[in-house]
Amino acid sequence: MNPADVELLRLLAGRLERLSVDSHWARRASGLRGNLLKVLDEIEAGRDVGPGRVTPLIDRAFELLRRAAREIPDVDEILKKSDQAARPQHPTP
């Protein structure tokens, strides 16, 4: 197993763990993270884990993280709305 792939699996597992429990994707992330950790355990135990098993997990993890990221609100938009709400409204003559 390529060391870079092993490191990527660890990184993805960590990112999936950090998804907010309020996220629609959190439950799926939990299951996928479990699969990633299982594969990592097998690799660390010296078992041969082929790319046919690892590549789909990596692809699914990236896709899930992409979808979860779409739920994150745009900070600039929030600040803009906050600024507009904080400005006093002047009636127009």
N, C-alpha and C. Protein backbone atom coordinates (compact mmCIF):
# COMPACT_ATOMS: atom_id res chain seq x y z
N MET A 1 0.85 -1.18 0.00
CA MET A 1 0.00 0.00 0.00
C MET A 1 0.89 1.24 0.00
N ASN A 2 0.56 2.15 -0.85
CA ASN A 2 1.28 3.41 -0.98
C ASN A 2 1.14 4.22 0.32
N PRO A 3 2.26 4.68 0.92
CA PRO A 3 2.19 5.47 2.16
C PRO A 3 1.33 6.73 2.02
N ALA A 4 1.32 7.33 0.84
CA ALA A 4 0.50 8.52 0.63
C ALA A 4 -0.99 8.19 0.73
N ASP A 5 -1.38 7.01 0.24
CA ASP A 5 -2.78 6.58 0.34
C ASP A 5 -3.17 6.32 1.79
N VAL A 6 -2.24 5.74 2.55
CA VAL A 6 -2.51 5.48 3.97
C VAL A 6 -2.70 6.81 4.70
N GLU A 7 -1.87 7.77 4.41
CA GLU A 7 -1.99 9.09 5.04
C GLU A 7 -3.29 9.76 4.61
N LEU A 8 -3.67 9.61 3.36
CA LEU A 8 -4.93 10.18 2.87
C LEU A 8 -6.12 9.54 3.58
N LEU A 9 -6.08 8.23 3.78
CA LEU A 9 -7.15 7.56 4.51
C LEU A 9 -7.28 8.12 5.93
N ARG A 10 -6.16 8.34 6.59
CA ARG A 10 -6.18 8.93 7.94
C ARG A 10 -6.76 10.34 7.92
N LEU A 11 -6.33 11.12 6.95
CA LEU A 11 -6.82 12.49 6.84
C LEU A 11 -8.33 12.52 6.61
N LEU A 12 -8.80 11.69 5.70
CA LEU A 12 -10.23 11.66 5.40
C LEU A 12 -11.04 11.18 6.61
N ALA A 13 -10.54 10.18 7.32
CA ALA A 13 -11.23 9.70 8.52
C ALA A 13 -11.35 10.83 9.54
N GLY A 14 -10.29 11.60 9.71
CA GLY A 14 -10.32 12.73 10.63
C GLY A 14 -11.30 13.81 10.20
N ARG A 15 -11.33 14.10 8.91
CA ARG A 15 -12.26 15.12 8.40
C ARG A 15 -13.72 14.67 8.57
N LEU A 16 -13.97 13.40 8.30
CA LEU A 16 -15.34 12.89 8.46
C LEU A 16 -15.78 12.95 9.92
N GLU A 17 -14.84 12.72 10.82
CA GLU A 17 -15.16 12.76 12.25
C GLU A 17 -15.57 14.17 12.68
N ARG A 18 -15.03 15.17 12.02
CA ARG A 18 -15.27 16.55 12.42
C ARG A 18 -16.56 17.15 11.86
N LEU A 19 -17.29 16.40 11.06
CA LEU A 19 -18.56 16.93 10.55
C LEU A 19 -19.51 17.17 11.71
N SER A 20 -20.23 18.24 11.64
CA SER A 20 -21.20 18.58 12.69
C SER A 20 -22.28 17.51 12.78
N VAL A 21 -22.66 17.19 14.00
CA VAL A 21 -23.73 16.20 14.18
C VAL A 21 -25.04 16.74 13.62
N ASP A 22 -25.13 18.05 13.43
CA ASP A 22 -26.32 18.64 12.85
C ASP A 22 -26.38 18.47 11.34
N SER A 23 -25.27 18.07 10.76
CA SER A 23 -25.20 17.91 9.31
C SER A 23 -26.03 16.70 8.87
N HIS A 24 -26.70 16.89 7.76
CA HIS A 24 -27.47 15.80 7.16
C HIS A 24 -26.55 14.61 6.83
N TRP A 25 -25.29 14.91 6.59
CA TRP A 25 -24.35 13.89 6.14
C TRP A 25 -23.61 13.20 7.28
N ALA A 26 -23.82 13.61 8.50
CA ALA A 26 -23.07 13.08 9.64
C ALA A 26 -23.24 11.57 9.82
N ARG A 27 -24.45 11.09 9.66
CA ARG A 27 -24.69 9.64 9.86
C ARG A 27 -23.97 8.82 8.79
N ARG A 28 -24.05 9.25 7.57
CA ARG A 28 -23.32 8.55 6.49
C ARG A 28 -21.82 8.64 6.72
N ALA A 29 -21.38 9.81 7.18
CA ALA A 29 -19.96 9.99 7.45
C ALA A 29 -19.47 9.03 8.51
N SER A 30 -20.29 8.79 9.50
CA SER A 30 -19.92 7.88 10.58
C SER A 30 -19.67 6.47 10.05
N GLY A 31 -20.56 6.00 9.21
CA GLY A 31 -20.40 4.66 8.64
C GLY A 31 -19.19 4.56 7.73
N LEU A 32 -19.00 5.57 6.90
CA LEU A 32 -17.86 5.59 5.99
C LEU A 32 -16.56 5.69 6.77
N ARG A 33 -16.56 6.50 7.82
CA ARG A 33 -15.37 6.63 8.66
C ARG A 33 -15.02 5.28 9.30
N GLY A 34 -16.04 4.56 9.73
CA GLY A 34 -15.81 3.23 10.29
C GLY A 34 -15.14 2.30 9.29
N ASN A 35 -15.57 2.37 8.04
CA ASN A 35 -14.95 1.56 6.98
C ASN A 35 -13.51 1.98 6.74
N LEU A 36 -13.26 3.28 6.74
CA LEU A 36 -11.88 3.76 6.56
C LEU A 36 -10.98 3.27 7.69
N LEU A 37 -11.48 3.36 8.91
CA LEU A 37 -10.69 2.91 10.07
C LEU A 37 -10.43 1.40 10.03
N LYS A 38 -11.42 0.67 9.57
CA LYS A 38 -11.25 -0.79 9.45
C LYS A 38 -10.14 -1.12 8.44
N VAL A 39 -10.15 -0.43 7.33
CA VAL A 39 -9.10 -0.63 6.31
C VAL A 39 -7.73 -0.23 6.87
N LEU A 40 -7.69 0.88 7.58
CA LEU A 40 -6.42 1.31 8.19
C LEU A 40 -5.91 0.27 9.19
N ASP A 41 -6.80 -0.29 9.98
CA ASP A 41 -6.40 -1.35 10.93
C ASP A 41 -5.82 -2.55 10.19
N GLU A 42 -6.45 -2.92 9.08
CA GLU A 42 -5.96 -4.05 8.29
C GLU A 42 -4.58 -3.76 7.72
N ILE A 43 -4.39 -2.55 7.23
CA ILE A 43 -3.09 -2.16 6.67
C ILE A 43 -2.02 -2.20 7.75
N GLU A 44 -2.35 -1.64 8.92
CA GLU A 44 -1.39 -1.62 10.03
C GLU A 44 -1.08 -3.02 10.55
N ALA A 45 -2.02 -3.94 10.36
CA ALA A 45 -1.79 -5.33 10.77
C ALA A 45 -0.98 -6.10 9.73
N GLY A 46 -0.63 -5.42 8.62
CA GLY A 46 0.20 -6.04 7.61
C GLY A 46 -0.57 -6.79 6.54
N ARG A 47 -1.89 -6.68 6.54
CA ARG A 47 -2.68 -7.35 5.51
C ARG A 47 -2.62 -6.55 4.21
N ASP A 48 -2.73 -7.27 3.12
CA ASP A 48 -2.70 -6.62 1.81
C ASP A 48 -4.10 -6.11 1.48
N VAL A 49 -4.22 -4.81 1.33
CA VAL A 49 -5.49 -4.18 0.95
C VAL A 49 -5.27 -3.54 -0.40
N GLY A 50 -5.97 -4.04 -1.38
CA GLY A 50 -5.76 -3.57 -2.75
C GLY A 50 -6.45 -2.26 -3.05
N PRO A 51 -6.02 -1.62 -4.12
CA PRO A 51 -6.61 -0.34 -4.53
C PRO A 51 -8.09 -0.47 -4.91
N GLY A 52 -8.49 -1.65 -5.31
CA GLY A 52 -9.90 -1.87 -5.65
C GLY A 52 -10.82 -1.68 -4.46
N ARG A 53 -10.28 -1.80 -3.28
CA ARG A 53 -11.06 -1.58 -2.07
C ARG A 53 -10.86 -0.18 -1.52
N VAL A 54 -9.66 0.36 -1.67
CA VAL A 54 -9.33 1.66 -1.09
C VAL A 54 -9.86 2.81 -1.94
N THR A 55 -9.69 2.73 -3.24
CA THR A 55 -10.08 3.83 -4.13
C THR A 55 -11.55 4.21 -4.00
N PRO A 56 -12.49 3.25 -3.98
CA PRO A 56 -13.89 3.64 -3.82
C PRO A 56 -14.17 4.32 -2.47
N LEU A 57 -13.48 3.90 -1.43
CA LEU A 57 -13.66 4.55 -0.13
C LEU A 57 -13.17 5.99 -0.16
N ILE A 58 -12.03 6.21 -0.78
CA ILE A 58 -11.49 7.56 -0.90
C ILE A 58 -12.44 8.43 -1.72
N ASP A 59 -12.92 7.89 -2.83
CA ASP A 59 -13.84 8.64 -3.69
C ASP A 59 -15.12 9.01 -2.94
N ARG A 60 -15.69 8.04 -2.20
CA ARG A 60 -16.91 8.31 -1.44
C ARG A 60 -16.68 9.33 -0.34
N ALA A 61 -15.53 9.25 0.30
CA ALA A 61 -15.23 10.21 1.38
C ALA A 61 -15.15 11.63 0.82
N PHE A 62 -14.46 11.80 -0.29
CA PHE A 62 -14.38 13.14 -0.89
C PHE A 62 -15.76 13.64 -1.31
N GLU A 63 -16.56 12.78 -1.89
CA GLU A 63 -17.90 13.19 -2.33
C GLU A 63 -18.76 13.58 -1.13
N LEU A 64 -18.70 12.82 -0.07
CA LEU A 64 -19.48 13.14 1.12
C LEU A 64 -19.01 14.46 1.72
N LEU A 65 -17.72 14.69 1.78
CA LEU A 65 -17.20 15.95 2.31
C LEU A 65 -17.61 17.13 1.43
N ARG A 66 -17.63 16.93 0.11
CA ARG A 66 -18.09 17.99 -0.80
C ARG A 66 -19.54 18.36 -0.51
N ARG A 67 -20.37 17.34 -0.36
CA ARG A 67 -21.79 17.58 -0.10
C ARG A 67 -22.01 18.24 1.26
N ALA A 68 -21.27 17.80 2.24
CA ALA A 68 -21.39 18.41 3.57
C ALA A 68 -20.93 19.86 3.54
N ALA A 69 -19.91 20.15 2.76
CA ALA A 69 -19.39 21.52 2.68
C ALA A 69 -20.42 22.47 2.08
N ARG A 70 -21.27 21.96 1.22
CA ARG A 70 -22.31 22.81 0.62
C ARG A 70 -23.31 23.30 1.66
N GLU A 71 -23.40 22.61 2.79
CA GLU A 71 -24.32 23.02 3.86
C GLU A 71 -23.74 24.14 4.72
N ILE A 72 -22.45 24.37 4.60
CA ILE A 72 -21.81 25.40 5.43
C ILE A 72 -22.21 26.76 4.88
N PRO A 73 -22.75 27.61 5.76
CA PRO A 73 -23.18 28.92 5.26
C PRO A 73 -22.01 29.79 4.83
N ASP A 74 -22.27 30.68 3.90
CA ASP A 74 -21.28 31.61 3.41
C ASP A 74 -21.09 32.72 4.44
N VAL A 75 -19.90 32.81 5.02
CA VAL A 75 -19.62 33.78 6.07
C VAL A 75 -19.81 35.21 5.57
N ASP A 76 -19.37 35.49 4.36
CA ASP A 76 -19.53 36.84 3.81
C ASP A 76 -21.00 37.23 3.71
N GLU A 77 -21.82 36.30 3.30
CA GLU A 77 -23.26 36.57 3.18
C GLU A 77 -23.88 36.81 4.56
N ILE A 78 -23.47 36.05 5.55
CA ILE A 78 -23.97 36.23 6.91
C ILE A 78 -23.57 37.61 7.45
N LEU A 79 -22.31 37.98 7.24
CA LEU A 79 -21.83 39.29 7.70
C LEU A 79 -22.56 40.43 6.99
N LYS A 80 -22.80 40.26 5.72
CA LYS A 80 -23.50 41.28 4.96
C LYS A 80 -24.91 41.48 5.51
N LYS A 81 -25.62 40.40 5.77
CA LYS A 81 -26.97 40.49 6.33
C LYS A 81 -26.93 41.09 7.73
N SER A 82 -25.92 40.72 8.50
CA SER A 82 -25.78 41.25 9.85
C SER A 82 -25.54 42.76 9.82
N ASP A 83 -24.69 43.21 8.91
CA ASP A 83 -24.42 44.64 8.76
C ASP A 83 -25.67 45.40 8.35
N GLN A 84 -26.42 44.83 7.44
CA GLN A 84 -27.64 45.48 6.98
C GLN A 84 -28.67 45.57 8.10
N ALA A 85 -28.76 44.55 8.92
CA ALA A 85 -29.71 44.55 10.02
C ALA A 85 -29.29 45.53 11.11
N ALA A 86 -28.00 45.77 11.27
CA ALA A 86 -27.50 46.65 12.32
C ALA A 86 -27.61 48.13 11.95
N ARG A 87 -27.69 48.44 10.67
CA ARG A 87 -27.79 49.85 10.22
C ARG A 87 -29.19 50.38 10.51
N PRO A 88 -29.23 51.59 11.05
CA PRO A 88 -30.56 52.19 11.28
C PRO A 88 -31.25 52.49 9.94
N GLN A 89 -32.51 52.24 9.91
CA GLN A 89 -33.28 52.49 8.70
C GLN A 89 -33.79 53.94 8.72
N HIS A 90 -33.42 54.71 7.73
CA HIS A 90 -33.88 56.09 7.62
C HIS A 90 -35.00 56.15 6.61
N PRO A 91 -36.09 56.76 7.02
CA PRO A 91 -37.20 56.87 6.04
C PRO A 91 -36.79 57.80 4.88
N THR A 92 -37.21 57.47 3.73
CA THR A 92 -36.93 58.32 2.58
C THR A 92 -37.99 59.40 2.48
N PRO A 93 -37.59 60.65 2.19
CA PRO A 93 -38.58 61.75 2.14
C PRO A 93 -39.44 61.69 0.91
